[in-house]
Protein backbone atom coordinates (compact mmCIF):
# COMPACT_ATOMS: atom_id res chain seq x y z
CA UNK A 1 40.64 -147.53 -23.77
CA UNK A 2 43.24 -146.48 -26.39
CA UNK A 3 46.99 -146.60 -25.71
CA UNK A 4 49.49 -145.37 -28.29
CA UNK A 5 52.99 -146.25 -27.09
CA UNK A 6 56.10 -144.80 -28.82
CA UNK A 7 54.52 -144.97 -32.27
CA UNK A 8 56.88 -144.30 -35.19
CA UNK A 9 56.14 -144.60 -38.90
CA UNK A 10 58.83 -144.18 -41.57
CA UNK A 11 58.53 -144.15 -45.34
CA UNK A 12 62.09 -144.69 -46.62
CA UNK A 13 63.88 -141.63 -45.21
CA UNK A 14 60.72 -139.71 -44.38
CA UNK A 15 59.46 -139.88 -40.79
CA UNK A 16 55.69 -139.38 -40.79
CA UNK A 17 55.24 -140.08 -37.05
CA UNK A 18 58.10 -139.76 -34.60
CA UNK A 19 57.84 -141.48 -31.17
CA UNK A 20 54.18 -140.53 -30.53
CA UNK A 21 52.74 -141.53 -27.15
CA UNK A 22 49.29 -140.69 -25.76
CA UNK A 23 46.26 -142.40 -24.28
CA UNK A 24 42.50 -141.90 -24.41
CA UNK A 25 40.33 -142.78 -21.42
CA UNK A 26 37.08 -144.69 -21.75
CA UNK A 27 34.23 -142.33 -22.63
CA UNK A 28 36.58 -139.43 -23.41
CA UNK A 29 36.32 -137.19 -26.49
CA UNK A 30 39.87 -136.32 -27.54
CA UNK A 31 40.69 -133.65 -30.12
CA UNK A 32 43.64 -134.45 -32.41
CA UNK A 33 45.03 -131.32 -34.05
CA UNK A 34 47.88 -130.50 -36.38
CA UNK A 35 48.67 -128.66 -39.62
CA UNK A 36 48.60 -130.45 -42.98
CA UNK A 37 51.34 -133.06 -43.15
CA UNK A 38 51.76 -133.20 -39.37
CA UNK A 39 50.95 -136.93 -39.14
CA UNK A 40 47.29 -136.85 -38.04
CA UNK A 41 45.85 -139.14 -40.71
CA UNK A 42 48.81 -141.52 -40.48
CA UNK A 43 48.20 -141.84 -36.74
CA UNK A 44 44.46 -142.48 -37.28
CA UNK A 45 45.23 -145.17 -39.87
CA UNK A 46 47.70 -146.84 -37.53
CA UNK A 47 45.19 -146.90 -34.66
CA UNK A 48 42.55 -148.49 -36.89
CA UNK A 49 45.01 -151.06 -38.26
CA UNK A 50 45.09 -149.81 -41.85
CA UNK A 51 48.87 -149.35 -41.80
CA UNK A 52 51.51 -151.04 -39.62
CA UNK A 53 53.90 -148.94 -37.52
CA UNK A 54 57.64 -149.04 -38.02
CA UNK A 55 58.05 -149.03 -34.25
CA UNK A 56 55.79 -148.85 -31.23
CA UNK A 57 52.59 -150.46 -30.07
CA UNK A 58 48.88 -149.62 -30.07
CA UNK A 59 46.15 -151.18 -27.90
CA UNK A 60 42.40 -150.69 -28.09
CA UNK A 61 40.44 -151.97 -25.11
CA UNK A 62 43.45 -154.11 -24.20
CA UNK A 63 43.84 -155.70 -27.65
CA UNK A 64 46.98 -155.16 -29.71
CA UNK A 65 46.06 -153.57 -33.06
CA UNK A 66 48.45 -155.73 -35.10
CA UNK A 67 48.44 -158.95 -33.08
CA UNK A 68 44.64 -159.07 -32.65
CA UNK A 69 43.32 -156.94 -35.55
CA UNK A 70 39.86 -158.54 -35.79
CA UNK A 71 39.15 -157.94 -32.09
CA UNK A 72 40.20 -154.30 -32.51
CA UNK A 73 38.14 -153.72 -35.64
CA UNK A 74 35.04 -155.08 -33.94
CA UNK A 75 35.38 -152.27 -31.41
CA UNK A 76 36.13 -149.36 -33.77
CA UNK A 77 33.91 -147.25 -35.99
CA UNK A 78 36.09 -145.31 -38.43
CA UNK A 79 35.20 -142.32 -40.57
CA UNK A 80 38.22 -141.53 -42.78
CA UNK A 81 38.66 -138.11 -44.35
CA UNK A 82 37.20 -139.50 -47.60
CA UNK A 83 34.26 -141.77 -46.62
CA UNK A 84 34.46 -145.30 -48.13
CA UNK A 85 31.20 -145.16 -50.08
CA UNK A 86 29.95 -147.25 -53.02
CA UNK A 87 28.42 -144.65 -55.37
CA UNK A 88 26.28 -147.12 -57.33
CA UNK A 89 24.40 -148.38 -54.23
CA UNK A 90 21.44 -146.83 -52.45
CA UNK A 91 22.02 -145.42 -48.99
CA UNK A 92 19.99 -148.19 -47.37
CA UNK A 93 21.64 -150.88 -49.48
CA UNK A 94 25.13 -149.59 -48.70
CA UNK A 95 24.47 -149.47 -44.96
CA UNK A 96 22.92 -152.96 -45.02
CA UNK A 97 26.06 -154.22 -46.78
CA UNK A 98 28.39 -152.58 -44.23
CA UNK A 99 26.23 -153.87 -41.36
CA UNK A 100 26.62 -157.45 -42.62
CA UNK A 101 30.39 -156.98 -42.97
CA UNK A 102 30.46 -155.74 -39.36
CA UNK A 103 28.63 -158.85 -38.16
CA UNK A 104 25.20 -157.41 -37.40
CA UNK A 105 22.78 -160.32 -37.13
CA UNK A 106 20.16 -160.64 -39.87
CA UNK A 107 17.27 -160.41 -37.42
CA UNK A 108 18.35 -156.96 -36.25
CA UNK A 109 19.95 -155.68 -39.44
CA UNK A 110 17.09 -153.49 -40.71
CA UNK A 111 16.45 -151.92 -37.30
CA UNK A 112 20.17 -151.16 -36.88
CA UNK A 113 20.34 -149.51 -40.32
CA UNK A 114 17.25 -147.46 -39.48
CA UNK A 115 18.77 -146.45 -36.14
CA UNK A 116 21.96 -145.01 -37.63
CA UNK A 117 20.09 -143.32 -40.51
CA UNK A 118 17.85 -141.59 -37.98
CA UNK A 119 20.88 -140.61 -35.88
CA UNK A 120 22.61 -138.74 -38.69
CA UNK A 121 19.39 -137.68 -40.45
CA UNK A 122 19.71 -139.46 -43.79
CA UNK A 123 16.43 -141.42 -43.60
CA UNK A 124 14.89 -139.04 -46.16
CA UNK A 125 17.43 -140.19 -48.79
CA UNK A 126 17.49 -143.88 -47.81
CA UNK A 127 16.51 -145.09 -51.29
CA UNK A 128 18.58 -142.63 -53.32
CA UNK A 129 21.81 -143.59 -55.11
CA UNK A 130 24.85 -142.61 -53.02
CA UNK A 131 26.72 -141.20 -56.02
CA UNK A 132 23.95 -138.66 -56.64
CA UNK A 133 23.94 -137.24 -53.12
CA UNK A 134 25.37 -133.87 -52.15
CA UNK A 135 28.75 -133.80 -50.41
CA UNK A 136 27.08 -133.10 -47.08
CA UNK A 137 24.79 -136.12 -47.37
CA UNK A 138 27.71 -138.33 -48.41
CA UNK A 139 29.58 -137.22 -45.30
CA UNK A 140 26.61 -138.11 -43.12
CA UNK A 141 26.29 -141.54 -44.78
CA UNK A 142 29.98 -142.07 -43.96
CA UNK A 143 29.26 -141.14 -40.35
CA UNK A 144 26.32 -143.57 -40.31
CA UNK A 145 28.52 -146.50 -41.40
CA UNK A 146 30.96 -145.71 -38.56
CA UNK A 147 28.08 -145.95 -36.06
CA UNK A 148 26.82 -149.35 -37.24
CA UNK A 149 26.90 -152.06 -34.56
CA UNK A 150 27.37 -149.36 -31.88
CA UNK A 151 31.19 -149.62 -31.49
CA UNK A 152 32.72 -148.44 -28.19
CA UNK A 153 35.46 -146.50 -30.06
CA UNK A 154 34.91 -143.92 -32.80
CA UNK A 155 37.76 -142.50 -34.90
CA UNK A 156 36.51 -139.48 -36.84
CA UNK A 157 38.77 -137.76 -39.38
CA UNK A 158 37.27 -134.37 -40.36
CA UNK A 159 33.64 -135.46 -39.71
CA UNK A 160 31.99 -132.12 -40.62
CA UNK A 161 33.73 -131.47 -43.95
CA UNK A 162 31.12 -130.47 -46.53
CA UNK A 163 28.29 -129.94 -44.04
CA UNK A 164 26.26 -126.74 -43.81
CA UNK A 165 26.15 -124.79 -40.48
CA UNK A 166 22.95 -126.53 -39.31
CA UNK A 167 24.39 -129.97 -40.06
CA UNK A 168 27.68 -129.08 -38.35
CA UNK A 169 25.72 -128.10 -35.25
CA UNK A 170 23.84 -131.41 -35.36
CA UNK A 171 27.06 -133.45 -35.66
CA UNK A 172 28.63 -131.53 -32.76
CA UNK A 173 25.57 -132.29 -30.65
CA UNK A 174 25.91 -135.98 -31.58
CA UNK A 175 29.57 -136.02 -30.53
CA UNK A 176 28.68 -134.39 -27.21
CA UNK A 177 25.99 -137.06 -26.70
CA UNK A 178 28.56 -139.80 -27.30
CA UNK A 179 30.79 -138.55 -24.46
CA UNK A 180 30.73 -141.19 -21.72
CA UNK A 181 29.17 -143.83 -23.95
CA UNK A 182 31.79 -143.91 -26.73
CA UNK A 183 35.51 -143.18 -26.69
CA UNK A 184 36.09 -140.69 -29.51
CA UNK A 185 39.18 -139.36 -31.30
CA UNK A 186 38.21 -136.32 -33.34
CA UNK A 187 40.76 -135.18 -35.92
CA UNK A 188 39.82 -131.80 -37.37
CA UNK A 189 41.07 -128.44 -38.62
CA UNK A 190 37.98 -126.67 -37.23
CA UNK A 191 39.20 -125.40 -33.88
CA UNK A 192 35.81 -124.21 -32.50
CA UNK A 193 34.68 -127.82 -33.03
CA UNK A 194 37.37 -129.00 -30.61
CA UNK A 195 36.64 -126.28 -28.05
CA UNK A 196 32.94 -127.17 -28.06
CA UNK A 197 33.17 -130.97 -28.04
CA UNK A 198 36.52 -132.18 -26.64
CA UNK A 199 37.63 -132.60 -23.05
CA UNK A 200 41.33 -132.87 -24.01
CA UNK A 201 43.50 -131.92 -26.96
CA UNK A 202 46.58 -133.51 -28.55
CA UNK A 203 48.53 -131.14 -30.83
CA UNK A 204 50.96 -132.75 -33.27
CA UNK A 205 53.50 -130.96 -35.46
CA UNK A 206 56.07 -132.48 -37.85
CA UNK A 207 55.18 -135.96 -36.61
CA UNK A 208 55.78 -135.21 -32.92
CA UNK A 209 53.38 -134.35 -30.12
CA UNK A 210 53.95 -130.81 -28.87
CA UNK A 211 51.13 -130.54 -26.32
CA UNK A 212 48.50 -132.59 -24.50
CA UNK A 213 46.04 -130.90 -22.15
CA UNK A 214 42.55 -129.43 -21.87
CA UNK A 215 41.86 -126.49 -24.20
CA UNK A 216 41.53 -124.17 -21.21
CA UNK A 217 44.82 -125.26 -19.65
CA UNK A 218 46.69 -124.86 -22.94
CA UNK A 219 45.39 -121.30 -23.27
CA UNK A 220 46.42 -120.48 -19.71
CA UNK A 221 49.88 -122.03 -20.12
CA UNK A 222 50.64 -119.93 -23.18
CA UNK A 223 48.93 -116.78 -22.04
CA UNK A 224 51.02 -116.54 -18.90
CA UNK A 225 48.76 -113.87 -17.36
CA UNK A 226 45.64 -111.78 -17.81
CA UNK A 227 45.47 -109.47 -20.82
CA UNK A 228 43.31 -106.35 -21.01
CA UNK A 229 42.92 -103.96 -23.92
CA UNK A 230 42.31 -100.36 -22.85
CA UNK A 231 41.85 -97.22 -24.97
CA UNK A 232 42.73 -93.91 -23.32
CA UNK A 233 42.70 -90.29 -24.46
CA UNK A 234 45.77 -88.76 -22.86
CA UNK A 235 49.54 -88.22 -23.20
CA UNK A 236 50.94 -91.51 -24.40
CA UNK A 237 54.18 -91.60 -22.40
CA UNK A 238 52.43 -90.59 -19.15
CA UNK A 239 49.58 -93.05 -19.66
CA UNK A 240 51.96 -95.90 -20.39
CA UNK A 241 54.08 -95.06 -17.34
CA UNK A 242 51.08 -94.79 -15.03
CA UNK A 243 49.62 -98.13 -16.13
CA UNK A 244 53.03 -99.83 -15.87
CA UNK A 245 53.41 -98.65 -12.26
CA UNK A 246 50.21 -100.35 -11.07
CA UNK A 247 50.63 -103.37 -8.74
CA UNK A 248 50.41 -106.70 -10.56
CA UNK A 249 50.93 -105.20 -14.04
CA UNK A 250 53.78 -107.00 -15.81
CA UNK A 251 53.77 -105.31 -19.24
CA UNK A 252 52.12 -102.46 -21.17
CA UNK A 253 52.27 -102.23 -24.98
CA UNK A 254 50.83 -99.72 -27.42
CA UNK A 255 48.81 -101.61 -30.04
CA UNK A 256 47.16 -98.75 -31.96
CA UNK A 257 46.50 -94.99 -31.99
CA UNK A 258 44.21 -92.43 -33.59
CA UNK A 259 44.17 -88.70 -32.81
CA UNK A 260 44.92 -88.50 -29.06
CA UNK A 261 43.38 -91.89 -28.34
CA UNK A 262 45.83 -94.73 -27.84
CA UNK A 263 45.05 -98.41 -27.39
CA UNK A 264 47.22 -100.37 -24.92
CA UNK A 265 47.49 -104.07 -24.16
CA UNK A 266 48.09 -104.55 -20.46
CA UNK A 267 49.40 -107.85 -19.06
CA UNK A 268 48.94 -108.64 -15.39
CA UNK A 269 49.28 -111.62 -13.06
CA UNK A 270 46.94 -114.57 -13.56
CA UNK A 271 43.57 -114.82 -11.83
CA UNK A 272 43.35 -111.10 -10.99
CA UNK A 273 40.86 -108.88 -12.83
CA UNK A 274 42.82 -105.62 -13.39
CA UNK A 275 39.98 -103.63 -14.93
CA UNK A 276 38.75 -101.77 -11.80
CA UNK A 277 42.33 -100.77 -10.98
CA UNK A 278 43.03 -99.62 -14.54
CA UNK A 279 39.82 -97.59 -14.74
CA UNK A 280 40.50 -95.89 -11.42
CA UNK A 281 44.07 -94.97 -12.42
CA UNK A 282 42.91 -93.40 -15.72
CA UNK A 283 40.07 -91.41 -14.16
CA UNK A 284 42.13 -90.21 -11.18
CA UNK A 285 44.81 -88.99 -13.61
CA UNK A 286 42.25 -86.83 -15.42
CA UNK A 287 42.33 -88.77 -18.71
CA UNK A 288 39.37 -90.04 -20.71
CA UNK A 289 38.71 -93.80 -20.67
CA UNK A 290 37.30 -94.62 -24.11
CA UNK A 291 37.00 -98.42 -23.89
CA UNK A 292 38.29 -101.47 -22.02
CA UNK A 293 37.89 -105.21 -22.45
CA UNK A 294 39.58 -108.47 -21.56
CA UNK A 295 41.77 -109.79 -24.39
CA UNK A 296 41.15 -113.53 -24.51
CA UNK A 297 43.41 -116.09 -26.17
CA UNK A 298 41.72 -118.75 -28.28
CA UNK A 299 42.67 -122.34 -29.06
CA UNK A 300 43.52 -121.04 -32.53
CA UNK A 301 46.19 -118.79 -30.96
CA UNK A 302 47.58 -121.78 -29.06
CA UNK A 303 47.61 -123.89 -32.23
CA UNK A 304 49.54 -121.22 -34.16
CA UNK A 305 52.02 -120.71 -31.31
CA UNK A 306 52.81 -124.42 -31.05
CA UNK A 307 52.95 -125.33 -34.72
CA UNK A 308 54.75 -122.30 -36.18
CA UNK A 309 58.51 -122.26 -36.01
CA UNK A 310 59.53 -118.67 -35.40
CA UNK A 311 61.90 -116.84 -33.10
CA UNK A 312 60.29 -115.64 -29.94
CA UNK A 313 57.46 -118.15 -29.99
CA UNK A 314 56.76 -120.41 -27.04
CA UNK A 315 58.73 -123.65 -27.33
CA UNK A 316 56.95 -127.00 -27.06
CA UNK A 317 59.10 -127.86 -24.04
CA UNK A 318 57.22 -125.29 -21.97
CA UNK A 319 53.86 -127.00 -22.56
CA UNK A 320 52.74 -130.22 -20.83
CA UNK A 321 53.00 -133.32 -23.02
CA UNK A 322 51.68 -136.84 -22.65
CA UNK A 323 53.19 -139.06 -20.04
CA UNK A 324 54.53 -142.36 -21.27
CA UNK A 325 52.01 -145.16 -21.44
CA UNK A 326 53.08 -148.26 -19.50
CA UNK A 327 54.15 -151.00 -21.86
CA UNK A 328 52.38 -153.76 -19.97
CA UNK A 329 52.77 -157.45 -20.77
CA UNK A 330 54.98 -157.90 -23.80
CA UNK A 331 54.13 -161.58 -24.26
């Protein structure tokens, strides 16, 4: 549905996007992540046709963004980071105006406006002036305008900024409902949002893609094995040696101590639960097992690993990246 092929955007000597290639399948919800200044918003603006690329090509539903811009815009609903609202208009009046711009027929205009207001729960402020709404309501009105005319593609840049926890939950539920019916690119800093709503993730850093995969696969790629945190009351050197000698254990590190109780992080081979083996070894050695739990890695850990330049961190080359999108007919 969306093909971004070797996209590059330069501003004088500054490279905002550097040879970015990825695709989004029809009905897929794709998370687009990166630190501030990584090139996320520039990429979103290029996909929607707001800025031209320096190099590369973008297609939406087979249409070239810059050769057939009107066809592309008919198929995209866009919520930028700062919603394009007219503060002097009422909510209903603003949405009616946007609906007419988007080509909604007069006969169905009022019902379409009512539909999107109900979807994002702004019907109760339909006749209020937009400029007097709270930030959360303004964000939802911006989301409503993106949904007008039921576009097959939705580009959402930070859609839950300014919403309270209940509203965030409602928007996440909406995005989950759209999966399969709409193709969605969700650009956000809120990593739990991506884990709960997106089937795949693109991580961009310094204008280049450093990873493309499912959240679960990215965690497993970086984790490299199972991790278990275990707290034992016993002689530290002996405990560490005993745990290190167990089959399948690849590393043991002390991560904290108090009195005679020491906390260890134990790494072992993937897809093997080491906890029964660890518990048995501690008990058979006559030591006290104080606590034990699996140490999970989150998408936030992955994000930090891939976007922080530091010695000893995993390099982007070790993580799967997007395959090149076929260029297709160049005519």
